[in-house]
Amino acid sequence: MIQFFITGTSSGIGYQLAMQALEDGHKVVGISRRHVINHPNYRHLTYNLNNYDEYKLINFNINKEAEKLVLVNNAGWLGDVKPAGQVSPASIERAYQINLIAPSILSKLFIEQTEKLEAEKVIVNISSGAASYPVSGWSTYCASKAGINLFTQVLREDYPNIHSFAIAPGIVDTDMQGEIRRLDTEDFPDKQRFVDYKDKGELSSPIDVASKLLKVIKHPETAPDCVFSLRDT
């Protein structure tokens, strides 16, 4: 049995990953502001990852019967999409809190609370292709995802006994994609490209992405690298 801890389980990839893990007979602890999953093997922690004071005392409450312990830092926020000089300081802070600071702190707490346990351990940080190239108007999103990539690589160096990955899921049909398509073209000149992804059926489904993530979690030795995209698997 695998014990999962997944952030952002109220929708999209996080929701689908939690549901598939539960269907496989595993136990899941979801961490998000909204509680939408009801299952005997599911437990919910209502935290706002923009507020460190809410989750700093989190107790992962490890199931001692688990053969594998898995933390999936899935929650993310696109932030204000505007030229960098027009983004509010509050938006900048929130984007870094959710996309970089919270995953870093949760990883630290997970490692600290599980270090004496013999179970196999996996940490998956959900990254983005935008971590590898600049996208106009996405300064904080690109930077925070690039940061989580390098943080994960350092985790791998510091803890070689933990399977640590930063995984870009590709272009997925989630609420975030809908948000992108509703942006003002003046703030996001590349909007039409994302509209075309939807119109041409080029978006991956959260169900398919969750299935691929689950395969990596179950068989981490098959992953191509510490940082990679599911589109390359």
Protein backbone atom coordinates (compact mmCIF):
# COMPACT_ATOMS: atom_id res chain seq x y z
CA MET A 1 0.00 0.00 0.00
CA ILE A 2 1.17 3.51 -0.85
CA GLN A 3 0.47 6.50 1.39
CA PHE A 4 -0.03 9.64 -0.72
CA PHE A 5 0.06 13.28 0.34
CA ILE A 6 -1.17 15.46 -2.53
CA THR A 7 -1.65 19.23 -2.65
CA GLY A 8 -4.32 20.75 -4.85
CA THR A 9 -6.78 17.85 -4.75
CA SER A 10 -9.89 19.94 -5.38
CA SER A 11 -9.59 19.87 -9.20
CA GLY A 12 -7.48 19.02 -12.23
CA ILE A 13 -4.41 16.80 -11.98
CA GLY A 14 -4.42 16.65 -8.19
CA TYR A 15 -8.03 15.49 -8.06
CA GLN A 16 -7.53 12.84 -10.73
CA LEU A 17 -4.32 11.55 -9.18
CA ALA A 18 -6.01 11.23 -5.79
CA MET A 19 -8.99 9.41 -7.30
CA GLN A 20 -6.83 6.96 -9.26
CA ALA A 21 -4.69 6.25 -6.21
CA LEU A 22 -7.83 5.57 -4.15
CA GLU A 23 -9.23 3.30 -6.87
CA ASP A 24 -5.98 1.31 -6.69
CA GLY A 25 -6.53 0.74 -2.97
CA HIS A 26 -4.01 3.25 -1.65
CA LYS A 27 -4.48 5.87 1.08
CA VAL A 28 -4.54 9.58 0.26
CA VAL A 29 -4.25 12.73 2.32
CA GLY A 30 -5.36 15.75 0.31
CA ILE A 31 -4.13 19.26 1.07
CA SER A 32 -6.13 22.15 -0.37
CA ARG A 33 -8.61 24.87 0.52
CA ARG A 34 -11.62 22.89 -0.72
CA HIS A 35 -12.67 19.40 0.35
CA VAL A 36 -14.36 17.66 -2.59
CA ILE A 37 -13.37 13.99 -2.23
CA ASN A 38 -15.32 11.59 -0.03
CA HIS A 39 -13.78 8.15 0.32
CA PRO A 40 -13.00 5.90 3.29
CA ASN A 41 -9.28 5.95 2.44
CA TYR A 42 -9.16 9.72 1.96
CA ARG A 43 -8.38 12.31 4.62
CA HIS A 44 -8.45 16.04 3.97
CA LEU A 45 -6.34 18.85 5.40
CA THR A 46 -7.78 22.29 4.70
CA TYR A 47 -4.84 24.64 4.23
CA ASN A 48 -4.17 27.76 2.20
CA LEU A 49 -0.66 27.28 0.82
CA ASN A 50 -0.32 31.04 0.45
CA ASN A 51 -0.26 31.25 4.24
CA TYR A 52 2.71 29.60 5.94
CA ASP A 53 1.14 30.02 9.38
CA GLU A 54 -1.65 27.62 8.33
CA TYR A 55 0.49 24.67 7.27
CA LYS A 56 3.75 25.10 9.22
CA LEU A 57 2.63 22.64 11.91
CA ILE A 58 1.36 20.01 9.48
CA ASN A 59 1.55 16.46 10.78
CA PHE A 60 1.83 13.99 7.91
CA ASN A 61 0.53 11.26 10.26
CA ILE A 62 2.34 8.50 8.41
CA ASN A 63 0.55 5.17 8.00
CA LYS A 64 2.96 2.64 9.47
CA GLU A 65 1.70 -0.09 7.10
CA ALA A 66 2.68 1.87 4.00
CA GLU A 67 5.42 0.38 1.86
CA LYS A 68 5.92 3.68 0.05
CA LEU A 69 5.40 7.30 1.14
CA VAL A 70 4.69 9.86 -1.55
CA LEU A 71 4.47 13.65 -1.45
CA VAL A 72 3.09 15.31 -4.58
CA ASN A 73 3.38 19.11 -4.59
CA ASN A 74 0.80 19.71 -7.29
CA ALA A 75 -0.90 22.96 -6.28
CA GLY A 76 0.10 25.93 -8.42
CA TRP A 77 -0.97 29.43 -9.37
CA LEU A 78 -0.41 31.25 -12.65
CA GLY A 79 -0.43 34.67 -11.00
CA ASP A 80 -1.10 37.99 -12.66
CA VAL A 81 -0.26 37.81 -16.35
CA LYS A 82 1.17 41.21 -17.19
CA PRO A 83 4.55 42.73 -18.04
CA ALA A 84 6.78 42.39 -14.98
CA GLY A 85 6.66 46.10 -14.17
CA GLN A 86 2.87 45.99 -13.91
CA VAL A 87 2.51 42.97 -11.63
CA SER A 88 1.44 43.84 -8.08
CA PRO A 89 3.82 43.00 -5.22
CA ALA A 90 1.00 40.97 -3.61
CA SER A 91 0.66 38.84 -6.75
CA ILE A 92 4.42 38.30 -6.94
CA GLU A 93 4.52 37.19 -3.31
CA ARG A 94 1.54 34.85 -3.68
CA ALA A 95 2.94 33.18 -6.81
CA TYR A 96 6.24 32.43 -5.11
CA GLN A 97 4.49 31.27 -1.94
CA ILE A 98 2.30 28.75 -3.74
CA ASN A 99 4.65 27.61 -6.52
CA LEU A 100 8.00 27.57 -4.74
CA ILE A 101 7.98 28.30 -1.02
CA ALA A 102 5.15 25.95 -0.02
CA PRO A 103 6.55 22.96 -1.97
CA SER A 104 10.00 23.61 -0.52
CA ILE A 105 8.72 23.77 3.06
CA LEU A 106 6.39 20.79 2.67
CA SER A 107 9.27 18.77 1.23
CA LYS A 108 11.44 19.72 4.19
CA LEU A 109 8.73 18.72 6.68
CA PHE A 110 8.00 15.48 4.82
CA ILE A 111 11.69 14.51 4.87
CA GLU A 112 12.03 15.45 8.54
CA GLN A 113 8.98 13.44 9.61
CA THR A 114 9.79 10.34 7.55
CA GLU A 115 13.59 10.12 7.80
CA LYS A 116 13.54 7.33 10.41
CA LEU A 117 11.03 5.20 8.50
CA GLU A 118 12.19 2.39 6.26
CA ALA A 119 9.45 2.84 3.65
CA GLU A 120 10.49 3.90 0.16
CA LYS A 121 9.99 7.65 -0.34
CA VAL A 122 9.04 9.69 -3.40
CA ILE A 123 8.70 13.47 -3.79
CA VAL A 124 7.09 14.79 -6.97
CA ASN A 125 7.03 18.52 -7.63
CA ILE A 126 4.76 19.47 -10.51
CA SER A 127 6.74 21.79 -12.76
CA SER A 128 6.02 23.30 -16.18
CA GLY A 129 7.56 23.66 -19.60
CA ALA A 130 7.54 27.38 -18.79
CA ALA A 131 10.39 26.70 -16.35
CA SER A 132 12.69 26.25 -19.34
CA TYR A 133 11.90 29.28 -21.52
CA PRO A 134 10.54 32.82 -21.08
CA VAL A 135 6.85 33.48 -21.71
CA SER A 136 5.82 37.11 -22.02
CA GLY A 137 3.73 38.18 -19.02
CA TRP A 138 4.56 35.08 -16.97
CA SER A 139 7.57 36.39 -15.03
CA THR A 140 6.65 34.95 -11.62
CA TYR A 141 5.25 31.69 -12.98
CA CYS A 142 8.30 30.96 -15.14
CA ALA A 143 10.71 31.94 -12.38
CA SER A 144 8.97 29.99 -9.62
CA LYS A 145 8.76 26.84 -11.74
CA ALA A 146 12.43 27.18 -12.72
CA GLY A 147 13.16 27.49 -9.01
CA ILE A 148 11.28 24.31 -8.14
CA ASN A 149 13.23 22.45 -10.82
CA LEU A 150 16.56 23.38 -9.29
CA PHE A 151 15.28 22.84 -5.75
CA THR A 152 14.33 19.29 -6.76
CA GLN A 153 17.77 18.65 -8.26
CA VAL A 154 19.36 19.72 -4.99
CA LEU A 155 16.98 17.42 -3.10
CA ARG A 156 18.28 14.57 -5.23
CA GLU A 157 21.87 15.52 -4.32
CA ASP A 158 21.10 15.91 -0.61
CA TYR A 159 18.95 12.79 -0.30
CA PRO A 160 19.91 10.18 -2.90
CA ASN A 161 17.76 7.62 -1.05
CA ILE A 162 14.62 9.64 -1.89
CA HIS A 163 13.21 9.53 -5.42
CA SER A 164 12.82 13.26 -6.13
CA PHE A 165 11.31 14.51 -9.38
CA ALA A 166 10.22 17.79 -10.94
CA ILE A 167 7.77 16.77 -13.65
CA ALA A 168 6.24 19.02 -16.28
CA PRO A 169 2.84 17.53 -17.16
CA GLY A 170 2.60 19.14 -20.60
CA ILE A 171 -0.34 21.24 -21.75
CA VAL A 172 -3.30 19.94 -19.78
CA ASP A 173 -7.02 20.75 -19.98
CA THR A 174 -7.33 22.27 -16.50
CA ASP A 175 -8.89 25.38 -14.95
CA MET A 176 -5.57 27.15 -15.44
CA GLN A 177 -5.78 26.67 -19.21
CA GLY A 178 -9.27 28.16 -19.16
CA GLU A 179 -7.91 31.11 -17.22
CA ILE A 180 -5.18 31.61 -19.83
CA ARG A 181 -7.73 31.66 -22.67
CA ARG A 182 -9.69 34.41 -20.88
CA LEU A 183 -6.71 36.74 -20.56
CA ASP A 184 -6.53 40.13 -22.24
CA THR A 185 -4.39 39.98 -25.39
CA GLU A 186 -2.73 43.26 -24.38
CA ASP A 187 -1.39 41.61 -21.25
CA PHE A 188 -0.68 38.26 -22.92
CA PRO A 189 0.18 38.58 -26.63
CA ASP A 190 0.55 34.80 -26.98
CA LYS A 191 -3.08 34.11 -26.00
CA GLN A 192 -4.16 32.84 -29.43
CA ARG A 193 -1.68 29.96 -29.28
CA PHE A 194 -3.43 28.63 -26.17
CA VAL A 195 -6.86 29.13 -27.71
CA ASP A 196 -5.65 27.05 -30.66
CA TYR A 197 -4.45 24.26 -28.35
CA LYS A 198 -8.03 23.90 -27.09
CA ASP A 199 -9.72 24.30 -30.48
CA LYS A 200 -7.42 21.74 -32.12
CA GLY A 201 -7.80 19.18 -29.33
CA GLU A 202 -4.13 19.33 -28.37
CA LEU A 203 -4.65 19.48 -24.60
CA SER A 204 -3.93 16.38 -22.53
CA SER A 205 -6.65 15.23 -20.15
CA PRO A 206 -6.00 15.37 -16.39
CA ILE A 207 -6.99 11.69 -16.26
CA ASP A 208 -4.24 10.68 -18.69
CA VAL A 209 -1.66 12.87 -16.96
CA ALA A 210 -2.56 11.45 -13.55
CA SER A 211 -2.20 7.94 -14.94
CA LYS A 212 1.30 8.70 -16.22
CA LEU A 213 2.29 10.28 -12.90
CA LEU A 214 1.04 7.22 -11.06
CA LYS A 215 3.24 5.00 -13.22
CA VAL A 216 6.30 7.10 -12.35
CA ILE A 217 5.42 6.98 -8.65
CA LYS A 218 4.97 3.21 -8.71
CA HIS A 219 8.13 2.63 -10.76
CA PRO A 220 10.46 5.59 -10.08
CA GLU A 221 13.44 3.70 -11.48
CA THR A 222 11.89 4.05 -14.96
CA ALA A 223 11.88 7.87 -14.91
CA PRO A 224 14.23 9.37 -17.52
CA ASP A 225 15.73 12.00 -15.19
CA CYS A 226 15.22 14.07 -12.05
CA VAL A 227 13.61 16.87 -14.10
CA PHE A 228 11.59 15.86 -17.15
CA SER A 229 8.33 16.31 -19.07
CA LEU A 230 5.63 13.70 -19.36
CA ARG A 231 5.44 14.61 -23.04
CA ASP A 232 8.83 12.93 -23.46
CA THR A 233 7.74 9.64 -21.88
